[in-house]
Amino acid sequence: MERILVRDSMGLLTGMIEINERGDKIVRDSRGRYLGRYDVLTNTTMDPMGRFLYKGDQASILFGIIKLD
């Protein structure tokens, strides 16, 4: 599994995107909490509850719209 670290303009860790062998992307915040995913087979981006958000790969948007605090 590939892991991409996402940082803000100050270099602080915002979160990470994990990409599995199939190409699905699992998005986590800087504490490792699950923010959602992009599913390659359905070509959809989903929130942490598995609800449809977007058609296509919009995984990076999850950092700005999912608030867990």
C-alpha atoms as a PDB file:
ATOM      1  CA  MET A   1       0.000   0.000   0.000  1.00  0.00           C
ATOM      2  CA  GLU A   2       1.327   3.400  -0.983  1.00  0.00           C
ATOM      3  CA  ARG A   3       0.976   6.292   1.465  1.00  0.00           C
ATOM      4  CA  ILE A   4       1.064   9.960   0.449  1.00  0.00           C
ATOM      5  CA  LEU A   5       1.548  12.517   3.219  1.00  0.00           C
ATOM      6  CA  VAL A   6      -0.381  15.759   2.718  1.00  0.00           C
ATOM      7  CA  ARG A   7       1.057  18.928   4.235  1.00  0.00           C
ATOM      8  CA  ASP A   8      -0.158  22.521   4.428  1.00  0.00           C
ATOM      9  CA  SER A   9       1.825  25.562   3.278  1.00  0.00           C
ATOM     10  CA  MET A  10       3.653  25.690   6.641  1.00  0.00           C
ATOM     11  CA  GLY A  11       4.770  22.077   6.308  1.00  0.00           C
ATOM     12  CA  LEU A  12       2.400  20.756   8.991  1.00  0.00           C
ATOM     13  CA  LEU A  13       0.852  17.356   8.379  1.00  0.00           C
ATOM     14  CA  THR A  14      -2.768  17.683   7.252  1.00  0.00           C
ATOM     15  CA  GLY A  15      -3.299  13.979   6.715  1.00  0.00           C
ATOM     16  CA  MET A  16      -2.537  11.115   4.398  1.00  0.00           C
ATOM     17  CA  ILE A  17      -3.939   9.303   1.417  1.00  0.00           C
ATOM     18  CA  GLU A  18      -3.385   5.542   1.306  1.00  0.00           C
ATOM     19  CA  ILE A  19      -3.642   3.898  -2.106  1.00  0.00           C
ATOM     20  CA  ASN A  20      -4.244   0.159  -2.205  1.00  0.00           C
ATOM     21  CA  GLU A  21      -3.307  -2.309  -4.954  1.00  0.00           C
ATOM     22  CA  ARG A  22      -6.636  -1.795  -6.751  1.00  0.00           C
ATOM     23  CA  GLY A  23      -6.184   1.990  -6.800  1.00  0.00           C
ATOM     24  CA  ASP A  24      -8.749   2.863  -4.116  1.00  0.00           C
ATOM     25  CA  LYS A  25      -7.778   5.858  -1.969  1.00  0.00           C
ATOM     26  CA  ILE A  26      -8.377   5.899   1.784  1.00  0.00           C
ATOM     27  CA  VAL A  27      -8.167   9.395   3.288  1.00  0.00           C
ATOM     28  CA  ARG A  28      -7.115   9.995   6.913  1.00  0.00           C
ATOM     29  CA  ASP A  29      -6.531  13.162   8.922  1.00  0.00           C
ATOM     30  CA  SER A  30      -3.271  13.927  10.756  1.00  0.00           C
ATOM     31  CA  ARG A  31      -4.424  11.801  13.725  1.00  0.00           C
ATOM     32  CA  GLY A  32      -5.143   8.837  11.489  1.00  0.00           C
ATOM     33  CA  ARG A  33      -8.929   9.190  11.671  1.00  0.00           C
ATOM     34  CA  TYR A  34     -10.829   7.974   8.630  1.00  0.00           C
ATOM     35  CA  LEU A  35     -12.274  10.815   6.498  1.00  0.00           C
ATOM     36  CA  GLY A  36     -13.587   8.835   3.544  1.00  0.00           C
ATOM     37  CA  ARG A  37     -12.528   7.066   0.399  1.00  0.00           C
ATOM     38  CA  TYR A  38     -12.429   7.010  -3.361  1.00  0.00           C
ATOM     39  CA  ASP A  39     -13.554   3.732  -4.933  1.00  0.00           C
ATOM     40  CA  VAL A  40     -12.087   2.951  -8.361  1.00  0.00           C
ATOM     41  CA  LEU A  41     -14.728   0.411  -9.429  1.00  0.00           C
ATOM     42  CA  THR A  42     -17.670   2.752  -8.851  1.00  0.00           C
ATOM     43  CA  ASN A  43     -15.639   5.915  -9.599  1.00  0.00           C
ATOM     44  CA  THR A  44     -17.133   7.618  -6.527  1.00  0.00           C
ATOM     45  CA  THR A  45     -15.844   9.509  -3.505  1.00  0.00           C
ATOM     46  CA  MET A  46     -17.612   8.711  -0.219  1.00  0.00           C
ATOM     47  CA  ASP A  47     -17.706  10.234   3.272  1.00  0.00           C
ATOM     48  CA  PRO A  48     -16.775   8.324   6.477  1.00  0.00           C
ATOM     49  CA  MET A  49     -20.292   6.824   6.659  1.00  0.00           C
ATOM     50  CA  GLY A  50     -20.046   5.467   3.100  1.00  0.00           C
ATOM     51  CA  ARG A  51     -22.455   8.028   1.668  1.00  0.00           C
ATOM     52  CA  PHE A  52     -21.956   9.237  -1.898  1.00  0.00           C
ATOM     53  CA  LEU A  53     -20.344  12.687  -2.158  1.00  0.00           C
ATOM     54  CA  TYR A  54     -18.878  13.055  -5.653  1.00  0.00           C
ATOM     55  CA  LYS A  55     -18.566  11.250  -8.953  1.00  0.00           C
ATOM     56  CA  GLY A  56     -14.879  10.801  -9.750  1.00  0.00           C
ATOM     57  CA  ASP A  57     -11.727  11.050  -7.655  1.00  0.00           C
ATOM     58  CA  GLN A  58     -12.226  13.943  -5.240  1.00  0.00           C
ATOM     59  CA  ALA A  59     -10.278  12.372  -2.340  1.00  0.00           C
ATOM     60  CA  SER A  60      -8.234  15.484  -1.557  1.00  0.00           C
ATOM     61  CA  ILE A  61     -11.400  17.547  -1.017  1.00  0.00           C
ATOM     62  CA  LEU A  62     -12.204  15.386   2.021  1.00  0.00           C
ATOM     63  CA  PHE A  63      -9.525  17.226   4.035  1.00  0.00           C
ATOM     64  CA  GLY A  64     -11.556  20.429   3.802  1.00  0.00           C
ATOM     65  CA  ILE A  65     -15.131  19.215   4.190  1.00  0.00           C
ATOM     66  CA  ILE A  66     -15.068  16.434   6.794  1.00  0.00           C
ATOM     67  CA  LYS A  67     -14.833  17.758  10.365  1.00  0.00           C
ATOM     68  CA  LEU A  68     -14.479  15.185  13.135  1.00  0.00           C
ATOM     69  CA  ASP A  69     -13.847  17.479  16.116  1.00  0.00           C
END
